[in-house]
Full PDB file with SEQRES, HELIX, SHEET, SSBOND, CRYST1, ORIGX, SCALE, CONECT and MASTER records, all heavy atoms in Angstrom:
SEQRES   1 A   41  GLU GLU VAL LEU PHE ARG GLY ALA ILE LEU SER GLY LEU          
SEQRES   2 A   41  LEU ARG ARG PHE GLY PRO PHE LEU ALA VAL VAL LEU SER          
SEQRES   3 A   41  ALA ALA VAL PHE ALA SER VAL HIS LEU VAL VAL LEU THR          
SEQRES   4 A   41  PHE PRO                                                      
HELIX    1 AA1 GLU A    2  GLU A    2  1                                   1    
HELIX    2 AA2 VAL A    3  ILE A    9  3                                   7    
HELIX    3 AA3 LEU A   10  ARG A   16  1                                   7    
HELIX    4 AA4 PRO A   19  SER A   32  1                                  14    
HELIX    5 AA5 VAL A   37  THR A   39  5                                   3    
CRYST1    1.000    1.000    1.000  90.00  90.00  90.00 P 1           1          
ORIGX1      1.000000  0.000000  0.000000        0.00000                         
ORIGX2      0.000000  1.000000  0.000000        0.00000                         
ORIGX3      0.000000  0.000000  1.000000        0.00000                         
SCALE1      1.000000  0.000000  0.000000        0.00000                         
SCALE2      0.000000  1.000000  0.000000        0.00000                         
SCALE3      0.000000  0.000000  1.000000        0.00000                         
ATOM      1  N   GLU A   1      50.283  34.350 -12.112  1.00  0.00           N  
ATOM      2  CA  GLU A   1      49.747  35.300 -13.091  1.00  0.00           C  
ATOM      3  C   GLU A   1      50.617  35.371 -14.345  1.00  0.00           C  
ATOM      4  O   GLU A   1      50.091  35.518 -15.461  1.00  0.00           O  
ATOM      5  CB  GLU A   1      49.613  36.695 -12.462  1.00  0.00           C  
ATOM      6  CG  GLU A   1      48.433  36.818 -11.514  1.00  0.00           C  
ATOM      7  CD  GLU A   1      48.112  38.252 -11.146  1.00  0.00           C  
ATOM      8  OE1 GLU A   1      48.886  39.151 -11.523  1.00  0.00           O  
ATOM      9  OE2 GLU A   1      47.081  38.463 -10.482  1.00  0.00           O  
ATOM     10  N   GLU A   2      51.912  35.244 -14.198  1.00  0.00           N  
ATOM     11  CA  GLU A   2      52.787  35.257 -15.372  1.00  0.00           C  
ATOM     12  C   GLU A   2      52.611  33.988 -16.210  1.00  0.00           C  
ATOM     13  O   GLU A   2      52.657  34.035 -17.438  1.00  0.00           O  
ATOM     14  CB  GLU A   2      54.247  35.449 -14.966  1.00  0.00           C  
ATOM     15  CG  GLU A   2      54.560  36.843 -14.482  1.00  0.00           C  
ATOM     16  CD  GLU A   2      54.021  37.926 -15.397  1.00  0.00           C  
ATOM     17  OE1 GLU A   2      54.318  37.883 -16.605  1.00  0.00           O  
ATOM     18  OE2 GLU A   2      53.279  38.795 -14.920  1.00  0.00           O  
ATOM     19  N   VAL A   3      52.420  32.852 -15.556  1.00  0.00           N  
ATOM     20  CA  VAL A   3      52.131  31.629 -16.292  1.00  0.00           C  
ATOM     21  C   VAL A   3      50.860  31.799 -17.112  1.00  0.00           C  
ATOM     22  O   VAL A   3      50.787  31.407 -18.285  1.00  0.00           O  
ATOM     23  CB  VAL A   3      51.999  30.431 -15.336  1.00  0.00           C  
ATOM     24  CG1 VAL A   3      51.442  29.206 -16.069  1.00  0.00           C  
ATOM     25  CG2 VAL A   3      53.351  30.090 -14.712  1.00  0.00           C  
ATOM     26  N   LEU A   4      49.859  32.419 -16.514  1.00  0.00           N  
ATOM     27  CA  LEU A   4      48.572  32.606 -17.198  1.00  0.00           C  
ATOM     28  C   LEU A   4      48.649  33.666 -18.289  1.00  0.00           C  
ATOM     29  O   LEU A   4      48.301  33.407 -19.452  1.00  0.00           O  
ATOM     30  CB  LEU A   4      47.502  32.988 -16.173  1.00  0.00           C  
ATOM     31  CG  LEU A   4      46.112  33.337 -16.738  1.00  0.00           C  
ATOM     32  CD1 LEU A   4      45.530  32.173 -17.524  1.00  0.00           C  
ATOM     33  CD2 LEU A   4      45.168  33.756 -15.616  1.00  0.00           C  
ATOM     34  N   PHE A   5      49.124  34.863 -17.942  1.00  0.00           N  
ATOM     35  CA  PHE A   5      49.016  35.993 -18.880  1.00  0.00           C  
ATOM     36  C   PHE A   5      50.153  36.050 -19.897  1.00  0.00           C  
ATOM     37  O   PHE A   5      49.919  36.417 -21.044  1.00  0.00           O  
ATOM     38  CB  PHE A   5      48.951  37.305 -18.093  1.00  0.00           C  
ATOM     39  CG  PHE A   5      47.665  37.465 -17.337  1.00  0.00           C  
ATOM     40  CD1 PHE A   5      47.639  37.308 -15.955  1.00  0.00           C  
ATOM     41  CD2 PHE A   5      46.486  37.755 -17.989  1.00  0.00           C  
ATOM     42  CE1 PHE A   5      46.454  37.433 -15.248  1.00  0.00           C  
ATOM     43  CE2 PHE A   5      45.295  37.892 -17.292  1.00  0.00           C  
ATOM     44  CZ  PHE A   5      45.274  37.714 -15.920  1.00  0.00           C  
ATOM     45  N   ARG A   6      51.381  35.771 -19.497  1.00  0.00           N  
ATOM     46  CA  ARG A   6      52.472  35.804 -20.453  1.00  0.00           C  
ATOM     47  C   ARG A   6      52.850  34.410 -20.969  1.00  0.00           C  
ATOM     48  O   ARG A   6      53.302  34.264 -22.093  1.00  0.00           O  
ATOM     49  CB  ARG A   6      53.699  36.481 -19.836  1.00  0.00           C  
ATOM     50  CG  ARG A   6      53.899  37.919 -20.238  1.00  0.00           C  
ATOM     51  CD  ARG A   6      52.748  38.836 -19.891  1.00  0.00           C  
ATOM     52  NE  ARG A   6      52.523  38.942 -18.448  1.00  0.00           N  
ATOM     53  CZ  ARG A   6      51.609  39.747 -17.893  1.00  0.00           C  
ATOM     54  NH1 ARG A   6      50.827  40.502 -18.648  1.00  0.00           N  
ATOM     55  NH2 ARG A   6      51.461  39.789 -16.584  1.00  0.00           N  
ATOM     56  N   GLY A   7      52.634  33.367 -20.156  1.00  0.00           N  
ATOM     57  CA  GLY A   7      52.939  32.030 -20.614  1.00  0.00           C  
ATOM     58  C   GLY A   7      51.859  31.448 -21.516  1.00  0.00           C  
ATOM     59  O   GLY A   7      52.151  30.686 -22.432  1.00  0.00           O  
ATOM     60  N   ALA A   8      50.588  31.803 -21.250  1.00  0.00           N  
ATOM     61  CA  ALA A   8      49.477  31.234 -22.023  1.00  0.00           C  
ATOM     62  C   ALA A   8      48.826  32.263 -22.944  1.00  0.00           C  
ATOM     63  O   ALA A   8      48.816  32.097 -24.168  1.00  0.00           O  
ATOM     64  CB  ALA A   8      48.433  30.645 -21.068  1.00  0.00           C  
ATOM     65  N   ILE A   9      48.287  33.343 -22.374  1.00  0.00           N  
ATOM     66  CA  ILE A   9      47.493  34.287 -23.173  1.00  0.00           C  
ATOM     67  C   ILE A   9      48.357  35.019 -24.199  1.00  0.00           C  
ATOM     68  O   ILE A   9      47.987  35.123 -25.369  1.00  0.00           O  
ATOM     69  CB  ILE A   9      46.754  35.267 -22.255  1.00  0.00           C  
ATOM     70  CG1 ILE A   9      45.663  34.526 -21.479  1.00  0.00           C  
ATOM     71  CG2 ILE A   9      46.132  36.413 -23.073  1.00  0.00           C  
ATOM     72  CD1 ILE A   9      44.907  35.367 -20.485  1.00  0.00           C  
ATOM     73  N   LEU A  10      49.508  35.540 -23.788  1.00  0.00           N  
ATOM     74  CA  LEU A  10      50.380  36.205 -24.756  1.00  0.00           C  
ATOM     75  C   LEU A  10      50.817  35.235 -25.843  1.00  0.00           C  
ATOM     76  O   LEU A  10      50.842  35.588 -27.028  1.00  0.00           O  
ATOM     77  CB  LEU A  10      51.603  36.796 -24.047  1.00  0.00           C  
ATOM     78  CG  LEU A  10      52.642  37.467 -24.961  1.00  0.00           C  
ATOM     79  CD1 LEU A  10      52.014  38.642 -25.728  1.00  0.00           C  
ATOM     80  CD2 LEU A  10      53.848  37.932 -24.163  1.00  0.00           C  
ATOM     81  N   SER A  11      51.140  34.010 -25.462  1.00  0.00           N  
ATOM     82  CA  SER A  11      51.536  33.004 -26.456  1.00  0.00           C  
ATOM     83  C   SER A  11      50.413  32.740 -27.450  1.00  0.00           C  
ATOM     84  O   SER A  11      50.637  32.643 -28.654  1.00  0.00           O  
ATOM     85  CB  SER A  11      51.940  31.702 -25.748  1.00  0.00           C  
ATOM     86  OG  SER A  11      53.100  31.873 -24.995  1.00  0.00           O  
ATOM     87  N   GLY A  12      49.182  32.607 -26.923  1.00  0.00           N  
ATOM     88  CA  GLY A  12      48.056  32.383 -27.813  1.00  0.00           C  
ATOM     89  C   GLY A  12      47.804  33.554 -28.745  1.00  0.00           C  
ATOM     90  O   GLY A  12      47.499  33.365 -29.933  1.00  0.00           O  
ATOM     91  N   LEU A  13      47.946  34.761 -28.225  1.00  0.00           N  
ATOM     92  CA  LEU A  13      47.752  35.955 -29.060  1.00  0.00           C  
ATOM     93  C   LEU A  13      48.820  36.054 -30.137  1.00  0.00           C  
ATOM     94  O   LEU A  13      48.542  36.499 -31.256  1.00  0.00           O  
ATOM     95  CB  LEU A  13      47.770  37.209 -28.179  1.00  0.00           C  
ATOM     96  CG  LEU A  13      46.528  37.426 -27.301  1.00  0.00           C  
ATOM     97  CD1 LEU A  13      46.790  38.495 -26.248  1.00  0.00           C  
ATOM     98  CD2 LEU A  13      45.320  37.816 -28.149  1.00  0.00           C  
ATOM     99  N   LEU A  14      50.040  35.649 -29.810  1.00  0.00           N  
ATOM    100  CA  LEU A  14      51.120  35.706 -30.797  1.00  0.00           C  
ATOM    101  C   LEU A  14      50.892  34.736 -31.949  1.00  0.00           C  
ATOM    102  O   LEU A  14      51.412  34.939 -33.053  1.00  0.00           O  
ATOM    103  CB  LEU A  14      52.459  35.412 -30.115  1.00  0.00           C  
ATOM    104  CG  LEU A  14      53.040  36.542 -29.261  1.00  0.00           C  
ATOM    105  CD1 LEU A  14      54.201  36.048 -28.418  1.00  0.00           C  
ATOM    106  CD2 LEU A  14      53.475  37.705 -30.147  1.00  0.00           C  
ATOM    107  N   ARG A  15      50.125  33.678 -31.709  1.00  0.00           N  
ATOM    108  CA  ARG A  15      49.812  32.734 -32.784  1.00  0.00           C  
ATOM    109  C   ARG A  15      48.740  33.285 -33.712  1.00  0.00           C  
ATOM    110  O   ARG A  15      48.594  32.829 -34.839  1.00  0.00           O  
ATOM    111  CB  ARG A  15      49.350  31.395 -32.201  1.00  0.00           C  
ATOM    112  CG  ARG A  15      50.431  30.646 -31.470  1.00  0.00           C  
ATOM    113  CD  ARG A  15      49.984  29.295 -30.970  1.00  0.00           C  
ATOM    114  NE  ARG A  15      49.659  28.379 -32.062  1.00  0.00           N  
ATOM    115  CZ  ARG A  15      49.556  27.057 -31.916  1.00  0.00           C  
ATOM    116  NH1 ARG A  15      49.772  26.511 -30.722  1.00  0.00           N  
ATOM    117  NH2 ARG A  15      49.264  26.292 -32.941  1.00  0.00           N  
ATOM    118  N   ARG A  16      47.970  34.256 -33.231  1.00  0.00           N  
ATOM    119  CA  ARG A  16      46.868  34.807 -34.016  1.00  0.00           C  
ATOM    120  C   ARG A  16      47.191  36.173 -34.599  1.00  0.00           C  
ATOM    121  O   ARG A  16      46.743  36.514 -35.706  1.00  0.00           O  
ATOM    122  CB  ARG A  16      45.613  34.910 -33.121  1.00  0.00           C  
ATOM    123  CG  ARG A  16      44.377  35.433 -33.808  1.00  0.00           C  
ATOM    124  CD  ARG A  16      43.792  34.450 -34.810  1.00  0.00           C  
ATOM    125  NE  ARG A  16      43.375  33.230 -34.152  1.00  0.00           N  
ATOM    126  CZ  ARG A  16      42.173  33.051 -33.592  1.00  0.00           C  
ATOM    127  NH1 ARG A  16      41.292  34.029 -33.608  1.00  0.00           N  
ATOM    128  NH2 ARG A  16      41.875  31.905 -33.043  1.00  0.00           N  
ATOM    129  N   PHE A  17      47.959  36.994 -33.855  1.00  0.00           N  
ATOM    130  CA  PHE A  17      48.221  38.373 -34.276  1.00  0.00           C  
ATOM    131  C   PHE A  17      49.721  38.647 -34.344  1.00  0.00           C  
ATOM    132  O   PHE A  17      50.534  37.825 -33.923  1.00  0.00           O  
ATOM    133  CB  PHE A  17      47.572  39.361 -33.302  1.00  0.00           C  
ATOM    134  CG  PHE A  17      46.110  39.133 -33.074  1.00  0.00           C  
ATOM    135  CD1 PHE A  17      45.649  38.574 -31.884  1.00  0.00           C  
ATOM    136  CD2 PHE A  17      45.189  39.474 -34.056  1.00  0.00           C  
ATOM    137  CE1 PHE A  17      44.289  38.363 -31.679  1.00  0.00           C  
ATOM    138  CE2 PHE A  17      43.828  39.257 -33.856  1.00  0.00           C  
ATOM    139  CZ  PHE A  17      43.380  38.698 -32.672  1.00  0.00           C  
ATOM    140  N   GLY A  18      50.067  39.817 -34.835  1.00  0.00           N  
ATOM    141  CA  GLY A  18      51.452  40.263 -34.840  1.00  0.00           C  
ATOM    142  C   GLY A  18      51.902  40.630 -33.444  1.00  0.00           C  
ATOM    143  O   GLY A  18      51.074  40.813 -32.535  1.00  0.00           O  
ATOM    144  N   PRO A  19      53.223  40.782 -33.236  1.00  0.00           N  
ATOM    145  CA  PRO A  19      53.754  41.073 -31.903  1.00  0.00           C  
ATOM    146  C   PRO A  19      53.173  42.325 -31.262  1.00  0.00           C  
ATOM    147  O   PRO A  19      52.844  42.311 -30.067  1.00  0.00           O  
ATOM    148  CB  PRO A  19      55.258  41.225 -32.146  1.00  0.00           C  
ATOM    149  CG  PRO A  19      55.518  40.418 -33.374  1.00  0.00           C  
ATOM    150  CD  PRO A  19      54.300  40.584 -34.235  1.00  0.00           C  
ATOM    151  N   PHE A  20      53.041  43.427 -32.013  1.00  0.00           N  
ATOM    152  CA  PHE A  20      52.542  44.679 -31.434  1.00  0.00           C  
ATOM    153  C   PHE A  20      51.131  44.496 -30.875  1.00  0.00           C  
ATOM    154  O   PHE A  20      50.857  44.829 -29.710  1.00  0.00           O  
ATOM    155  CB  PHE A  20      52.540  45.792 -32.481  1.00  0.00           C  
ATOM    156  CG  PHE A  20      51.941  47.085 -31.986  1.00  0.00           C  
ATOM    157  CD1 PHE A  20      52.684  47.957 -31.211  1.00  0.00           C  
ATOM    158  CD2 PHE A  20      50.617  47.423 -32.278  1.00  0.00           C  
ATOM    159  CE1 PHE A  20      52.134  49.143 -30.742  1.00  0.00           C  
ATOM    160  CE2 PHE A  20      50.059  48.597 -31.808  1.00  0.00           C  
ATOM    161  CZ  PHE A  20      50.818  49.464 -31.042  1.00  0.00           C  
ATOM    162  N   LEU A  21      50.230  43.978 -31.686  1.00  0.00           N  
ATOM    163  CA  LEU A  21      48.849  43.809 -31.252  1.00  0.00           C  
ATOM    164  C   LEU A  21      48.742  42.781 -30.136  1.00  0.00           C  
ATOM    165  O   LEU A  21      47.957  42.951 -29.194  1.00  0.00           O  
ATOM    166  CB  LEU A  21      47.969  43.393 -32.437  1.00  0.00           C  
ATOM    167  CG  LEU A  21      46.449  43.375 -32.203  1.00  0.00           C  
ATOM    168  CD1 LEU A  21      45.977  44.735 -31.709  1.00  0.00           C  
ATOM    169  CD2 LEU A  21      45.724  42.989 -33.486  1.00  0.00           C  
ATOM    170  N   ALA A  22      49.540  41.727 -30.198  1.00  0.00           N  
ATOM    171  CA  ALA A  22      49.518  40.698 -29.164  1.00  0.00           C  
ATOM    172  C   ALA A  22      49.934  41.274 -27.814  1.00  0.00           C  
ATOM    173  O   ALA A  22      49.317  40.985 -26.776  1.00  0.00           O  
ATOM    174  CB  ALA A  22      50.436  39.536 -29.550  1.00  0.00           C  
ATOM    175  N   VAL A  23      50.972  42.092 -27.810  1.00  0.00           N  
ATOM    176  CA  VAL A  23      51.449  42.722 -26.567  1.00  0.00           C  
ATOM    177  C   VAL A  23      50.385  43.645 -25.994  1.00  0.00           C  
ATOM    178  O   VAL A  23      50.083  43.613 -24.792  1.00  0.00           O  
ATOM    179  CB  VAL A  23      52.759  43.486 -26.821  1.00  0.00           C  
ATOM    180  CG1 VAL A  23      53.086  44.404 -25.635  1.00  0.00           C  
ATOM    181  CG2 VAL A  23      53.907  42.509 -27.059  1.00  0.00           C  
ATOM    182  N   VAL A  24      49.769  44.479 -26.841  1.00  0.00           N  
ATOM    183  CA  VAL A  24      48.762  45.432 -26.382  1.00  0.00           C  
ATOM    184  C   VAL A  24      47.528  44.705 -25.848  1.00  0.00           C  
ATOM    185  O   VAL A  24      46.988  45.041 -24.790  1.00  0.00           O  
ATOM    186  CB  VAL A  24      48.371  46.401 -27.516  1.00  0.00           C  
ATOM    187  CG1 VAL A  24      47.170  47.256 -27.112  1.00  0.00           C  
ATOM    188  CG2 VAL A  24      49.548  47.298 -27.873  1.00  0.00           C  
ATOM    189  N   LEU A  25      47.057  43.704 -26.589  1.00  0.00           N  
ATOM    190  CA  LEU A  25      45.867  42.969 -26.173  1.00  0.00           C  
ATOM    191  C   LEU A  25      46.115  42.191 -24.875  1.00  0.00           C  
ATOM    192  O   LEU A  25      45.242  42.134 -24.000  1.00  0.00           O  
ATOM    193  CB  LEU A  25      45.421  42.011 -27.275  1.00  0.00           C  
ATOM    194  CG  LEU A  25      44.818  42.665 -28.521  1.00  0.00           C  
ATOM    195  CD1 LEU A  25      44.504  41.607 -29.577  1.00  0.00           C  
ATOM    196  CD2 LEU A  25      43.558  43.446 -28.171  1.00  0.00           C  
ATOM    197  N   SER A  26      47.293  41.598 -24.748  1.00  0.00           N  
ATOM    198  CA  SER A  26      47.594  40.858 -23.511  1.00  0.00           C  
ATOM    199  C   SER A  26      47.625  41.798 -22.318  1.00  0.00           C  
ATOM    200  O   SER A  26      47.166  41.448 -21.225  1.00  0.00           O  
ATOM    201  CB  SER A  26      48.924  40.111 -23.644  1.00  0.00           C  
ATOM    202  OG  SER A  26      50.025  41.012 -23.687  1.00  0.00           O  
ATOM    203  N   ALA A  27      48.148  43.006 -22.517  1.00  0.00           N  
ATOM    204  CA  ALA A  27      48.167  43.994 -21.438  1.00  0.00           C  
ATOM    205  C   ALA A  27      46.763  44.443 -21.075  1.00  0.00           C  
ATOM    206  O   ALA A  27      46.442  44.653 -19.891  1.00  0.00           O  
ATOM    207  CB  ALA A  27      49.016  45.202 -21.846  1.00  0.00           C  
ATOM    208  N   ALA A  28      45.903  44.599 -22.076  1.00  0.00           N  
ATOM    209  CA  ALA A  28      44.523  45.012 -21.830  1.00  0.00           C  
ATOM    210  C   ALA A  28      43.765  43.951 -21.046  1.00  0.00           C  
ATOM    211  O   ALA A  28      43.001  44.252 -20.115  1.00  0.00           O  
ATOM    212  CB  ALA A  28      43.813  45.298 -23.153  1.00  0.00           C  
ATOM    213  N   VAL A  29      43.973  42.681 -21.397  1.00  0.00           N  
ATOM    214  CA  VAL A  29      43.335  41.580 -20.664  1.00  0.00           C  
ATOM    215  C   VAL A  29      43.843  41.548 -19.235  1.00  0.00           C  
ATOM    216  O   VAL A  29      43.062  41.427 -18.281  1.00  0.00           O  
ATOM    217  CB  VAL A  29      43.595  40.229 -21.366  1.00  0.00           C  
ATOM    218  CG1 VAL A  29      43.077  39.076 -20.521  1.00  0.00           C  
ATOM    219  CG2 VAL A  29      42.944  40.204 -22.744  1.00  0.00           C  
ATOM    220  N   PHE A  30      45.152  41.672 -19.068  1.00  0.00           N  
ATOM    221  CA  PHE A  30      45.769  41.651 -17.739  1.00  0.00           C  
ATOM    222  C   PHE A  30      45.200  42.756 -16.850  1.00  0.00           C  
ATOM    223  O   PHE A  30      44.859  42.529 -15.683  1.00  0.00           O  
ATOM    224  CB  PHE A  30      47.280  41.814 -17.901  1.00  0.00           C  
ATOM    225  CG  PHE A  30      48.033  42.011 -16.605  1.00  0.00           C  
ATOM    226  CD1 PHE A  30      48.173  40.970 -15.702  1.00  0.00           C  
ATOM    227  CD2 PHE A  30      48.609  43.240 -16.297  1.00  0.00           C  
ATOM    228  CE1 PHE A  30      48.875  41.138 -14.514  1.00  0.00           C  
ATOM    229  CE2 PHE A  30      49.317  43.420 -15.121  1.00  0.00           C  
ATOM    230  CZ  PHE A  30      49.446  42.369 -14.224  1.00  0.00           C  
ATOM    231  N   ALA A  31      45.101  43.966 -17.378  1.00  0.00           N  
ATOM    232  CA  ALA A  31      44.581  45.099 -16.597  1.00  0.00           C  
ATOM    233  C   ALA A  31      43.095  44.944 -16.318  1.00  0.00           C  
ATOM    234  O   ALA A  31      42.626  45.286 -15.224  1.00  0.00           O  
ATOM    235  CB  ALA A  31      44.857  46.400 -17.328  1.00  0.00           C  
ATOM    236  N   SER A  32      42.346  44.429 -17.285  1.00  0.00           N  
ATOM    237  CA  SER A  32      40.884  44.336 -17.157  1.00  0.00           C  
ATOM    238  C   SER A  32      40.464  43.343 -16.090  1.00  0.00           C  
ATOM    239  O   SER A  32      39.506  43.592 -15.346  1.00  0.00           O  
ATOM    240  CB  SER A  32      40.262  43.957 -18.499  1.00  0.00           C  
ATOM    241  OG  SER A  32      40.512  44.944 -19.474  1.00  0.00           O  
ATOM    242  N   VAL A  33      41.141  42.190 -16.003  1.00  0.00           N  
ATOM    243  CA  VAL A  33      40.697  41.157 -15.065  1.00  0.00           C  
ATOM    244  C   VAL A  33      40.917  41.548 -13.613  1.00  0.00           C  
ATOM    245  O   VAL A  33      40.374  40.914 -12.710  1.00  0.00           O  
ATOM    246  CB  VAL A  33      41.393  39.807 -15.345  1.00  0.00           C  
ATOM    247  CG1 VAL A  33      41.071  39.311 -16.742  1.00  0.00           C  
ATOM    248  CG2 VAL A  33      42.892  39.912 -15.139  1.00  0.00           C  
ATOM    249  N   HIS A  34      41.677  42.624 -13.355  1.00  0.00           N  
ATOM    250  CA  HIS A  34      41.847  43.073 -11.982  1.00  0.00           C  
ATOM    251  C   HIS A  34      40.651  43.882 -11.499  1.00  0.00           C  
ATOM    252  O   HIS A  34      40.531  44.161 -10.301  1.00  0.00           O  
ATOM    253  CB  HIS A  34      43.138  43.898 -11.859  1.00  0.00           C  
ATOM    254  CG  HIS A  34      44.373  43.058 -11.879  1.00  0.00           C  
ATOM    255  ND1 HIS A  34      44.933  42.566 -13.043  1.00  0.00           N  
ATOM    256  CD2 HIS A  34      45.183  42.608 -10.872  1.00  0.00           C  
ATOM    257  CE1 HIS A  34      46.014  41.861 -12.760  1.00  0.00           C  
ATOM    258  NE2 HIS A  34      46.193  41.874 -11.456  1.00  0.00           N  
ATOM    259  N   LEU A  35      39.785  44.279 -12.431  1.00  0.00           N  
ATOM    260  CA  LEU A  35      38.475  44.871 -12.098  1.00  0.00           C  
ATOM    261  C   LEU A  35      38.576  46.158 -11.274  1.00  0.00           C  
ATOM    262  O   LEU A  35      37.704  46.438 -10.451  1.00  0.00           O  
ATOM    263  CB  LEU A  35      37.601  43.859 -11.353  1.00  0.00           C  
ATOM    264  CG  LEU A  35      37.335  42.533 -12.095  1.00  0.00           C  
ATOM    265  CD1 LEU A  35      36.540  41.585 -11.200  1.00  0.00           C  
ATOM    266  CD2 LEU A  35      36.614  42.786 -13.403  1.00  0.00           C  
ATOM    267  N   VAL A  36      39.631  46.930 -11.464  1.00  0.00           N  
ATOM    268  CA  VAL A  36      39.775  48.218 -10.769  1.00  0.00           C  
ATOM    269  C   VAL A  36      39.992  49.291 -11.837  1.00  0.00           C  
ATOM    270  O   VAL A  36      41.081  49.385 -12.408  1.00  0.00           O  
ATOM    271  CB  VAL A  36      40.938  48.215  -9.764  1.00  0.00           C  
ATOM    272  CG1 VAL A  36      40.981  49.551  -9.015  1.00  0.00           C  
ATOM    273  CG2 VAL A  36      40.810  47.062  -8.790  1.00  0.00           C  
ATOM    274  N   VAL A  37      38.965  50.081 -12.093  1.00  0.00           N  
ATOM    275  CA  VAL A  37      39.008  51.043 -13.192  1.00  0.00           C  
ATOM    276  C   VAL A  37      40.103  52.089 -12.984  1.00  0.00           C  
ATOM    277  O   VAL A  37      40.843  52.425 -13.927  1.00  0.00           O  
ATOM    278  CB  VAL A  37      37.645  51.743 -13.350  1.00  0.00           C  
ATOM    279  CG1 VAL A  37      37.717  52.834 -14.415  1.00  0.00           C  
ATOM    280  CG2 VAL A  37      36.579  50.724 -13.722  1.00  0.00           C  
ATOM    281  N   LEU A  38      40.235  52.601 -11.764  1.00  0.00           N  
ATOM    282  CA  LEU A  38      41.171  53.690 -11.514  1.00  0.00           C  
ATOM    283  C   LEU A  38      42.635  53.271 -11.683  1.00  0.00           C  
ATOM    284  O   LEU A  38      43.485  54.100 -11.964  1.00  0.00           O  
ATOM    285  CB  LEU A  38      40.951  54.268 -10.118  1.00  0.00           C  
ATOM    286  CG  LEU A  38      39.652  55.068  -9.919  1.00  0.00           C  
ATOM    287  CD1 LEU A  38      39.533  55.542  -8.477  1.00  0.00           C  
ATOM    288  CD2 LEU A  38      39.584  56.254 -10.873  1.00  0.00           C  
ATOM    289  N   THR A  39      42.927  51.989 -11.473  1.00  0.00           N  
ATOM    290  CA  THR A  39      44.308  51.541 -11.631  1.00  0.00           C  
ATOM    291  C   THR A  39      44.547  50.873 -12.985  1.00  0.00           C  
ATOM    292  O   THR A  39      45.644  50.341 -13.222  1.00  0.00           O  
ATOM    293  CB  THR A  39      44.692  50.550 -10.505  1.00  0.00           C  
ATOM    294  OG1 THR A  39      43.779  49.431 -10.526  1.00  0.00           O  
ATOM    295  CG2 THR A  39      44.647  51.224  -9.149  1.00  0.00           C  
ATOM    296  N   PHE A  40      43.556  50.926 -13.874  1.00  0.00           N  
ATOM    297  CA  PHE A  40      43.723  50.322 -15.196  1.00  0.00           C  
ATOM    298  C   PHE A  40      44.931  50.897 -15.940  1.00  0.00           C  
ATOM    299  O   PHE A  40      45.709  50.125 -16.527  1.00  0.00           O  
ATOM    300  CB  PHE A  40      42.450  50.507 -16.028  1.00  0.00           C  
ATOM    301  CG  PHE A  40      42.532  49.872 -17.402  1.00  0.00           C  
ATOM    302  CD1 PHE A  40      42.095  48.579 -17.603  1.00  0.00           C  
ATOM    303  CD2 PHE A  40      43.073  50.580 -18.472  1.00  0.00           C  
ATOM    304  CE1 PHE A  40      42.183  47.986 -18.860  1.00  0.00           C  
ATOM    305  CE2 PHE A  40      43.163  50.004 -19.735  1.00  0.00           C  
ATOM    306  CZ  PHE A  40      42.721  48.696 -19.922  1.00  0.00           C  
ATOM    307  N   PRO A  41      45.142  52.227 -15.957  1.00  0.00           N  
ATOM    308  CA  PRO A  41      46.308  52.752 -16.686  1.00  0.00           C  
ATOM    309  C   PRO A  41      47.635  52.184 -16.187  1.00  0.00           C  
ATOM    310  O   PRO A  41      48.505  51.833 -16.986  1.00  0.00           O  
ATOM    311  CB  PRO A  41      46.220  54.262 -16.430  1.00  0.00           C  
ATOM    312  CG  PRO A  41      44.774  54.518 -16.169  1.00  0.00           C  
ATOM    313  CD  PRO A  41      44.307  53.317 -15.406  1.00  0.00           C  
TER     314      PRO A  41                                                      
MASTER        0    0    0    5    0    0    0    6  313    1    0    4          
END                                                                             
């Protein structure tokens, strides 16, 4: 999961957005793909 979300997705987001937005968006993707609404926070 770290290879996928921080090694690939975060890296890709950093090439498109600034660090703040890249970190927030990568966290949102990471939480969303687990498909559990109650544990999203």
